Amino acid sequence: MADQLHQAMLNGSGANVIGDLLGRLISYTQGHFAHEEALMRQYKYGGMNAHVAEHRKLAEEVLDLQRKYAAGKLTITMEIMHFLRDWLDHHIRRSDQLVAKHIRACEGALARA
């Protein structure tokens, strides 16, 4: 999604793709977060409360971007590019990796038992 937005920015058509991109991002986060939270419950992830709080914050930020877009008040491209970059850097590459490491450890323990 970030690559699509960046390419549209370079082509001068960022405003044309942003509405669709935000809709897809909202849909993706809802499904991804629900699945991830179910896994955290299943594997009793100790950092679940903090991780779920991150999910809620990220979801609210996406909804806020969509509201700004709908009201014609969104600083198109750069605000969203920064949000996506920060999300990728912090949440997916750090927080989600901790969850994945925990799940792998649990599955390894089950396989050895």
Foldseek 3Di string as FASTA:
>chain_A
DLVVLVVCVVVVNNLVCVLVVLVVVLVVLVVVVVVLLVLCVVLVPVCSVVLVVVSVVLNVVSVVQNVCSVVVNHPGDPVVSVSVVCCCVPCVVPVVVVSVVSSVVSVVVVVVD
